[in-house]
Amino acid sequence: MLRDCIWFHAASVGEFEQARPIIERLRKEQPWRPVLLTFFSPSGYEMRKEYDQVDLVTYLPFATRRNARKFVEAVKPSMAVFVKYEFWPAYIRQLSQKHVPLYSIASIFRPEQYFFHWYAAGQRKLLKQFTHLFVQDKASIELLKRYGITQASLSGDTRFDRVTSIAGHAKEIAQVQKFVRGQEQVIVAGSTWPEDEQLLHRYQEEHPEVRLILVPHEIDRKHLHEIFHLWQGKHVLLSDANERNLLHTRTLVVDQMGLLSSIYQYGHVAYVGGGFGAGIHNTIEAAVYGLPVVFGPNYEHFREAKALIETGGGCSVNSYEQLEKAIDEMLFNRQKAGLAAARYVESELGATERIYSALFAQKKNEKTSGKVSNKSQESLEIISM
């Protein structure tokens, strides 16, 4: 087991992506520091268990008092960094008792969260045990202040830095290039579910001039079979694509993982799935390319989706009629709407630098203590302004 490590904890893959820019900056600039990464969800662990920018990836033991004590004593972290919504009382108390600096990054706080109910004074005390809370928006800062939690600063969301970096190194995909060549109306539909696909199929049936690149969230045999029946076989799978069959289809279905962030570069409008279910997927992954973004109605907990709507770079729909109108308008005004989307992403850059400087801008041989260094404290003061 690692000792004296920097411990990062994420619930699952989405939260890991918010920690990732910090981890990789740390590994690059201070490679002598041992780094531990823990996950709560099996999906997060399974997808990133081979991640080579840390020394160890493992599950976080269930948060009982005994487990927390044994884990912290075994790891003996010099610092702990929890991502977004990870607030485990047993671990917070144990880290506090051991005087281990504890930070939260990419946090968002809302009045309806259990911390802010009348009966949750004990839970709010847990927040006061964090050395510092790096939050995504001003509303979180103001809410925390109302309850006397002042060790917080506005840092933003590191995902914007991450997607910008990815876009700068986007893969070229030859089959997709051939599919979109010469086309002026290409929709990239990312992370779609059956509810999304029903709407997109109808739109394409009624708009034969439009080409669609469909990137389903699930690419198991069952889902691909459902897509086959919905499109009646009038589509091409990326794994089967060739010069000939791409000339005779208007729909390309991506049946391979890990390509979506690069495929957005080939579109004119993006549709991001999940909004008719638990919640939309990653909209900024498309917006970084200057694509207007359309998504379903369940976006209330996604501040970037709200901002895209406010800036004119995005639109939410709740029916086929709304989707048809939104896509038509976004295609017609794609330069203006796309520029708004790209500018919004650009305005949110810098969270990685702000957080990293506050946590790790210390002299090479300086030991981490319960308080941030003078230089780090200056960084906190600056980003709180």
Protein backbone atom coordinates (compact mmCIF):
# COMPACT_ATOMS: atom_id res chain seq x y z
CA MET A 1 0.00 0.00 0.00
CA LEU A 2 1.20 3.50 -0.79
CA ARG A 3 2.25 5.82 2.01
CA ASP A 4 2.54 9.59 2.16
CA CYS A 5 0.68 9.80 -1.13
CA ILE A 6 -1.56 12.39 -2.72
CA TRP A 7 -4.96 10.70 -2.63
CA PHE A 8 -7.59 11.54 -5.26
CA HIS A 9 -11.08 10.10 -4.89
CA ALA A 10 -13.76 10.15 -7.61
CA ALA A 11 -17.18 8.52 -7.65
CA SER A 12 -16.97 7.36 -11.26
CA VAL A 13 -15.60 8.20 -14.70
CA GLY A 14 -17.19 11.64 -14.98
CA GLU A 15 -15.67 12.84 -11.73
CA PHE A 16 -12.35 11.23 -12.65
CA GLU A 17 -12.25 13.40 -15.78
CA GLN A 18 -12.47 16.44 -13.53
CA ALA A 19 -9.53 15.26 -11.44
CA ARG A 20 -7.52 14.05 -14.41
CA PRO A 21 -5.99 17.39 -15.50
CA ILE A 22 -4.75 17.98 -11.95
CA ILE A 23 -3.33 14.48 -11.66
CA GLU A 24 -1.51 14.68 -14.98
CA ARG A 25 -0.11 18.12 -14.24
CA LEU A 26 1.12 16.80 -10.89
CA ARG A 27 2.69 13.73 -12.48
CA LYS A 28 4.47 15.87 -15.07
CA GLU A 29 5.82 18.52 -12.71
CA GLN A 30 6.34 16.56 -9.48
CA PRO A 31 6.84 12.92 -10.55
CA TRP A 32 8.41 11.95 -7.23
CA ARG A 33 5.05 12.29 -5.43
CA PRO A 34 3.21 8.95 -5.08
CA VAL A 35 -0.41 9.26 -6.23
CA LEU A 36 -3.38 7.09 -5.25
CA LEU A 37 -6.68 7.09 -7.16
CA THR A 38 -9.83 5.54 -5.68
CA PHE A 39 -13.28 4.99 -7.15
CA PHE A 40 -16.66 4.30 -5.59
CA SER A 41 -18.38 2.82 -8.65
CA PRO A 42 -17.38 -0.46 -10.32
CA SER A 43 -17.75 1.14 -13.77
CA GLY A 44 -15.28 3.86 -12.88
CA TYR A 45 -12.76 1.40 -11.53
CA GLU A 46 -13.10 -1.04 -14.44
CA MET A 47 -12.64 1.68 -17.04
CA ARG A 48 -9.61 3.30 -15.39
CA LYS A 49 -7.91 0.52 -13.43
CA GLU A 50 -4.99 0.57 -15.90
CA TYR A 51 -4.56 4.36 -15.75
CA ASP A 52 -0.81 4.88 -15.85
CA GLN A 53 -0.55 8.40 -14.44
CA VAL A 54 -0.99 7.22 -10.85
CA ASP A 55 0.81 4.63 -8.73
CA LEU A 56 -2.27 2.72 -7.66
CA VAL A 57 -5.95 2.55 -8.66
CA THR A 58 -8.35 0.85 -6.26
CA TYR A 59 -11.86 0.86 -4.83
CA LEU A 60 -12.64 2.99 -1.81
CA PRO A 61 -13.74 0.67 1.02
CA PHE A 62 -17.31 1.18 2.14
CA ALA A 63 -17.45 4.22 4.40
CA THR A 64 -17.78 2.72 7.85
CA ARG A 65 -15.84 4.22 10.76
CA ARG A 66 -13.64 1.10 11.00
CA ASN A 67 -12.92 0.97 7.26
CA ALA A 68 -12.06 4.65 7.14
CA ARG A 69 -9.66 4.34 10.06
CA LYS A 70 -7.91 1.28 8.62
CA PHE A 71 -7.66 2.78 5.13
CA VAL A 72 -6.27 6.14 6.22
CA GLU A 73 -3.81 4.50 8.60
CA ALA A 74 -2.61 2.17 5.83
CA VAL A 75 -2.28 4.86 3.16
CA LYS A 76 -1.13 7.70 5.41
CA PRO A 77 -1.93 10.32 2.74
CA SER A 78 -0.14 13.63 2.85
CA MET A 79 -3.16 15.21 1.14
CA ALA A 80 -6.65 14.08 0.08
CA VAL A 81 -8.59 15.52 -2.86
CA PHE A 82 -12.25 14.56 -3.23
CA VAL A 83 -14.08 15.36 -6.46
CA LYS A 84 -17.42 17.18 -6.82
CA TYR A 85 -20.10 15.43 -4.70
CA GLU A 86 -17.89 13.08 -2.69
CA PHE A 87 -18.52 13.86 1.00
CA TRP A 88 -18.07 10.68 3.05
CA PRO A 89 -18.48 11.51 6.78
CA ALA A 90 -16.36 8.62 8.08
CA TYR A 91 -13.43 9.51 5.83
CA ILE A 92 -13.74 13.26 6.43
CA ARG A 93 -13.65 12.74 10.20
CA GLN A 94 -10.74 10.34 10.03
CA LEU A 95 -8.68 12.66 7.80
CA SER A 96 -9.46 15.56 10.12
CA GLN A 97 -8.39 13.57 13.18
CA LYS A 98 -5.10 12.71 11.45
CA HIS A 99 -4.61 16.38 10.44
CA VAL A 100 -4.46 15.47 6.75
CA PRO A 101 -5.21 18.44 4.44
CA LEU A 102 -8.50 17.70 2.70
CA TYR A 103 -9.75 19.46 -0.42
CA SER A 104 -12.83 19.29 -2.61
CA ILE A 105 -12.53 20.23 -6.28
CA ALA A 106 -15.18 20.98 -8.92
CA SER A 107 -17.83 21.13 -6.20
CA ILE A 108 -21.32 22.51 -6.74
CA PHE A 109 -23.69 23.33 -3.90
CA ARG A 110 -27.44 23.92 -4.19
CA PRO A 111 -30.04 24.89 -1.54
CA GLU A 112 -31.88 21.58 -1.94
CA GLN A 113 -28.85 19.50 -1.00
CA TYR A 114 -29.04 17.75 2.37
CA PHE A 115 -26.28 19.97 3.82
CA PHE A 116 -28.64 22.94 3.86
CA HIS A 117 -31.78 21.45 5.41
CA TRP A 118 -32.78 22.75 8.84
CA TYR A 119 -31.91 19.43 10.47
CA ALA A 120 -28.45 19.09 8.84
CA ALA A 121 -26.24 21.22 11.08
CA GLY A 122 -24.06 18.19 11.77
CA GLN A 123 -23.55 17.63 8.05
CA ARG A 124 -22.53 21.26 7.54
CA LYS A 125 -19.86 20.81 10.21
CA LEU A 126 -18.30 18.22 7.92
CA LEU A 127 -17.87 20.84 5.23
CA LYS A 128 -16.02 23.05 7.70
CA GLN A 129 -13.47 20.28 8.17
CA PHE A 130 -12.26 20.65 4.58
CA THR A 131 -9.07 22.65 4.28
CA HIS A 132 -10.52 24.27 1.18
CA LEU A 133 -13.43 23.85 -1.23
CA PHE A 134 -12.80 24.69 -4.89
CA VAL A 135 -16.25 25.28 -6.37
CA GLN A 136 -17.58 25.74 -9.87
CA ASP A 137 -19.86 28.76 -9.55
CA LYS A 138 -20.54 31.94 -7.58
CA ALA A 139 -23.89 30.66 -6.36
CA SER A 140 -22.08 27.92 -4.44
CA ILE A 141 -19.77 30.47 -2.81
CA GLU A 142 -22.71 32.60 -1.66
CA LEU A 143 -24.65 29.61 -0.37
CA LEU A 144 -21.70 28.37 1.68
CA LYS A 145 -21.09 31.82 3.12
CA ARG A 146 -24.68 32.00 4.37
CA TYR A 147 -23.92 28.99 6.56
CA GLY A 148 -20.57 30.24 7.78
CA ILE A 149 -18.44 28.09 5.46
CA THR A 150 -15.85 30.53 4.20
CA GLN A 151 -12.86 28.39 3.16
CA ALA A 152 -14.09 28.25 -0.43
CA SER A 153 -13.12 29.87 -3.70
CA LEU A 154 -14.36 30.03 -7.26
CA SER A 155 -12.09 27.87 -9.42
CA GLY A 156 -14.31 26.67 -12.25
CA ASP A 157 -14.48 23.24 -13.84
CA THR A 158 -11.34 21.45 -15.04
CA ARG A 159 -13.35 19.62 -17.71
CA PHE A 160 -13.13 22.71 -19.91
CA ASP A 161 -9.35 22.48 -19.87
CA ARG A 162 -9.57 18.76 -20.52
CA VAL A 163 -11.88 18.93 -23.55
CA THR A 164 -9.84 21.79 -25.02
CA SER A 165 -6.68 19.71 -24.73
CA ILE A 166 -8.42 16.72 -26.32
CA ALA A 167 -9.75 18.84 -29.18
CA GLY A 168 -6.23 20.10 -29.83
CA HIS A 169 -5.11 16.50 -30.37
CA ALA A 170 -8.23 15.17 -32.09
CA LYS A 171 -7.82 12.02 -34.16
CA GLU A 172 -8.46 12.04 -37.89
CA ILE A 173 -10.86 9.23 -38.78
CA ALA A 174 -10.64 8.42 -42.47
CA GLN A 175 -14.06 6.74 -42.81
CA VAL A 176 -15.81 9.67 -41.14
CA GLN A 177 -13.96 12.15 -43.35
CA LYS A 178 -15.20 10.29 -46.44
CA PHE A 179 -18.77 10.22 -45.09
CA VAL A 180 -18.95 13.99 -44.50
CA ARG A 181 -16.89 15.16 -47.48
CA GLY A 182 -18.69 17.94 -49.33
CA GLN A 183 -21.69 17.86 -46.99
CA GLU A 184 -23.05 21.04 -45.42
CA GLN A 185 -25.59 19.62 -42.97
CA VAL A 186 -24.08 16.99 -40.70
CA ILE A 187 -25.47 16.19 -37.27
CA VAL A 188 -23.23 14.40 -34.77
CA ALA A 189 -25.43 12.74 -32.17
CA GLY A 190 -23.33 11.71 -29.19
CA SER A 191 -24.07 9.37 -26.27
CA THR A 192 -27.59 8.63 -27.51
CA TRP A 193 -30.22 6.43 -25.92
CA PRO A 194 -33.30 4.86 -27.60
CA GLU A 195 -35.48 7.89 -26.76
CA ASP A 196 -33.03 10.18 -28.51
CA GLU A 197 -32.69 7.85 -31.49
CA GLN A 198 -36.43 7.73 -32.11
CA LEU A 199 -36.49 11.52 -32.51
CA LEU A 200 -33.34 11.66 -34.63
CA HIS A 201 -34.61 8.92 -36.96
CA ARG A 202 -37.85 10.80 -37.55
CA TYR A 203 -35.95 14.04 -38.17
CA GLN A 204 -33.72 12.37 -40.72
CA GLU A 205 -36.69 10.74 -42.45
CA GLU A 206 -38.31 14.15 -42.83
CA HIS A 207 -35.05 15.89 -43.81
CA PRO A 208 -33.33 13.69 -46.39
CA GLU A 209 -30.69 16.33 -47.08
CA VAL A 210 -29.20 15.84 -43.59
CA ARG A 211 -26.47 13.33 -42.79
CA LEU A 212 -26.27 11.82 -39.32
CA ILE A 213 -23.33 10.40 -37.40
CA LEU A 214 -24.85 8.42 -34.55
CA VAL A 215 -22.63 7.58 -31.57
CA PRO A 216 -24.76 5.49 -29.17
CA HIS A 217 -24.01 5.48 -25.45
CA GLU A 218 -24.25 1.69 -25.47
CA ILE A 219 -22.84 -0.35 -28.36
CA ASP A 220 -23.74 -3.83 -27.21
CA ARG A 221 -25.32 -6.23 -29.68
CA LYS A 222 -28.85 -5.66 -28.38
CA HIS A 223 -28.72 -1.90 -28.85
CA LEU A 224 -27.11 -2.12 -32.28
CA HIS A 225 -29.87 -4.56 -33.27
CA GLU A 226 -32.49 -2.02 -32.14
CA ILE A 227 -30.80 0.65 -34.25
CA PHE A 228 -30.75 -1.71 -37.23
CA HIS A 229 -34.52 -2.20 -37.00
CA LEU A 230 -35.24 1.50 -36.45
CA TRP A 231 -33.26 2.51 -39.53
CA GLN A 232 -34.37 -0.65 -41.38
CA GLY A 233 -30.77 -1.40 -42.18
CA LYS A 234 -30.30 1.86 -44.08
CA HIS A 235 -27.13 2.75 -42.27
CA VAL A 236 -23.47 1.77 -42.15
CA LEU A 237 -21.53 0.72 -39.08
CA LEU A 238 -18.16 2.41 -38.75
CA SER A 239 -16.54 -1.01 -38.38
CA ASP A 240 -17.97 -2.00 -41.80
CA ALA A 241 -17.47 1.34 -43.56
CA ASN A 242 -15.71 1.49 -46.92
CA GLU A 243 -15.51 3.82 -49.88
CA ARG A 244 -18.44 2.16 -51.63
CA ASN A 245 -21.07 1.78 -48.91
CA LEU A 246 -20.42 5.26 -47.53
CA LEU A 247 -21.54 6.70 -50.88
CA HIS A 248 -24.98 5.13 -50.48
CA THR A 249 -25.94 5.96 -46.90
CA ARG A 250 -27.02 9.02 -44.96
CA THR A 251 -26.42 7.46 -41.55
CA LEU A 252 -23.12 6.35 -40.06
CA VAL A 253 -23.36 4.47 -36.75
CA VAL A 254 -20.19 4.46 -34.64
CA ASP A 255 -19.87 1.04 -33.03
CA GLN A 256 -16.48 1.68 -31.42
CA MET A 257 -15.67 3.23 -28.06
CA GLY A 258 -13.46 6.24 -27.42
CA LEU A 259 -14.02 8.15 -30.67
CA LEU A 260 -16.79 10.61 -29.82
CA SER A 261 -14.57 13.48 -28.69
CA SER A 262 -12.80 13.40 -32.08
CA ILE A 263 -15.92 12.79 -34.17
CA TYR A 264 -17.55 16.04 -33.07
CA GLN A 265 -15.05 17.90 -35.26
CA TYR A 266 -16.86 16.60 -38.36
CA GLY A 267 -20.29 17.98 -37.50
CA HIS A 268 -22.20 21.20 -38.06
CA VAL A 269 -24.67 20.69 -35.19
CA ALA A 270 -24.38 18.38 -32.18
CA TYR A 271 -27.13 16.50 -30.43
CA VAL A 272 -26.11 15.24 -26.97
CA GLY A 273 -28.11 12.35 -25.58
CA GLY A 274 -29.38 11.41 -22.15
CA GLY A 275 -31.70 14.35 -21.65
CA PHE A 276 -34.83 12.19 -21.85
CA GLY A 277 -33.44 9.96 -19.11
CA ALA A 278 -31.33 10.57 -16.02
CA GLY A 279 -29.55 13.60 -17.47
CA ILE A 280 -27.60 14.83 -20.46
CA HIS A 281 -24.08 13.72 -21.23
CA ASN A 282 -21.07 15.93 -21.96
CA THR A 283 -22.13 19.04 -23.92
CA ILE A 284 -18.81 20.88 -23.72
CA GLU A 285 -17.13 18.00 -25.56
CA ALA A 286 -19.08 19.20 -28.62
CA ALA A 287 -19.15 22.93 -27.89
CA VAL A 288 -15.34 23.13 -27.85
CA TYR A 289 -15.39 22.57 -31.63
CA GLY A 290 -17.76 25.48 -32.15
CA LEU A 291 -20.83 23.29 -32.63
CA PRO A 292 -24.27 24.47 -31.54
CA VAL A 293 -25.60 21.87 -29.10
CA VAL A 294 -29.13 20.46 -28.84
CA PHE A 295 -30.18 18.26 -25.91
CA GLY A 296 -33.20 16.92 -24.04
CA PRO A 297 -35.13 18.39 -21.10
CA ASN A 298 -33.24 16.92 -18.13
CA TYR A 299 -30.39 19.40 -17.84
CA GLU A 300 -31.20 21.33 -14.66
CA HIS A 301 -28.17 20.04 -12.75
CA PHE A 302 -25.75 20.90 -15.54
CA ARG A 303 -24.58 24.48 -15.31
CA GLU A 304 -22.75 24.28 -18.66
CA ALA A 305 -26.02 23.37 -20.41
CA LYS A 306 -27.77 26.34 -18.82
CA ALA A 307 -24.91 28.61 -19.87
CA LEU A 308 -25.01 27.33 -23.46
CA ILE A 309 -28.71 28.16 -23.61
CA GLU A 310 -28.12 31.62 -22.12
CA THR A 311 -25.32 32.43 -24.56
CA GLY A 312 -27.17 31.14 -27.62
CA GLY A 313 -24.85 28.19 -28.14
CA GLY A 314 -27.32 25.52 -27.06
CA CYS A 315 -30.99 24.60 -26.95
CA SER A 316 -33.12 22.16 -24.95
CA VAL A 317 -36.03 20.25 -26.51
CA ASN A 318 -38.88 18.24 -25.04
CA SER A 319 -40.65 16.88 -28.14
CA TYR A 320 -40.10 16.09 -31.79
CA GLU A 321 -41.58 19.40 -32.85
CA GLN A 322 -39.16 21.28 -30.64
CA LEU A 323 -36.24 19.17 -31.85
CA GLU A 324 -37.10 19.82 -35.50
CA LYS A 325 -37.31 23.56 -34.93
CA ALA A 326 -34.11 23.65 -32.87
CA ILE A 327 -31.99 21.69 -35.35
CA ASP A 328 -33.36 23.65 -38.31
CA GLU A 329 -32.51 26.93 -36.60
CA MET A 330 -29.09 25.76 -35.43
CA LEU A 331 -28.18 24.57 -38.93
CA PHE A 332 -29.32 27.87 -40.42
CA ASN A 333 -27.52 29.98 -37.77
CA ARG A 334 -24.66 27.58 -37.10
CA GLN A 335 -21.88 30.14 -37.46
CA LYS A 336 -23.37 32.52 -34.90
CA ALA A 337 -24.54 29.79 -32.52
CA GLY A 338 -21.32 27.83 -32.91
CA LEU A 339 -19.22 30.89 -32.14
CA ALA A 340 -21.27 31.45 -28.98
CA ALA A 341 -20.64 27.86 -27.90
CA ALA A 342 -16.90 28.09 -28.55
CA ARG A 343 -16.57 31.42 -26.75
CA TYR A 344 -18.37 30.04 -23.73
CA VAL A 345 -15.90 27.15 -23.47
CA GLU A 346 -12.98 29.56 -23.86
CA SER A 347 -14.34 31.78 -21.09
CA GLU A 348 -14.30 28.83 -18.66
CA LEU A 349 -10.68 27.81 -19.16
CA GLY A 350 -8.09 27.97 -16.38
CA ALA A 351 -9.49 25.85 -13.55
CA THR A 352 -6.59 23.41 -13.71
CA GLU A 353 -4.02 26.16 -13.26
CA ARG A 354 -5.93 27.80 -10.43
CA ILE A 355 -6.39 24.59 -8.45
CA TYR A 356 -2.95 23.17 -9.13
CA SER A 357 -1.23 26.40 -8.13
CA ALA A 358 -3.18 26.54 -4.90
CA LEU A 359 -2.47 22.92 -3.98
CA PHE A 360 1.01 22.25 -5.26
CA ALA A 361 2.83 25.52 -5.94
CA GLN A 362 5.18 24.89 -3.04
CA LYS A 363 8.91 24.65 -2.87
CA LYS A 364 10.26 21.32 -4.01
CA ASN A 365 11.22 20.09 -0.56
CA GLU A 366 8.44 21.78 1.38
CA LYS A 367 6.26 19.33 3.28
CA THR A 368 2.51 19.63 2.92
CA SER A 369 0.87 20.75 6.14
CA GLY A 370 -2.67 21.39 7.25
CA LYS A 371 -2.38 24.91 5.86
CA VAL A 372 -1.63 25.86 2.28
CA SER A 373 1.72 27.56 1.62
CA ASN A 374 2.01 31.34 1.35
CA LYS A 375 2.14 31.12 -2.42
CA SER A 376 -0.88 28.81 -2.46
CA GLN A 377 -2.76 31.09 -0.09
CA GLU A 378 -2.15 33.98 -2.48
CA SER A 379 -3.62 31.88 -5.29
CA LEU A 380 -6.70 31.15 -3.18
CA GLU A 381 -7.16 34.80 -2.42
CA ILE A 382 -6.83 35.74 -6.07
CA ILE A 383 -9.38 33.22 -7.34
CA SER A 384 -11.81 34.16 -4.58
CA MET A 385 -12.02 37.71 -5.92
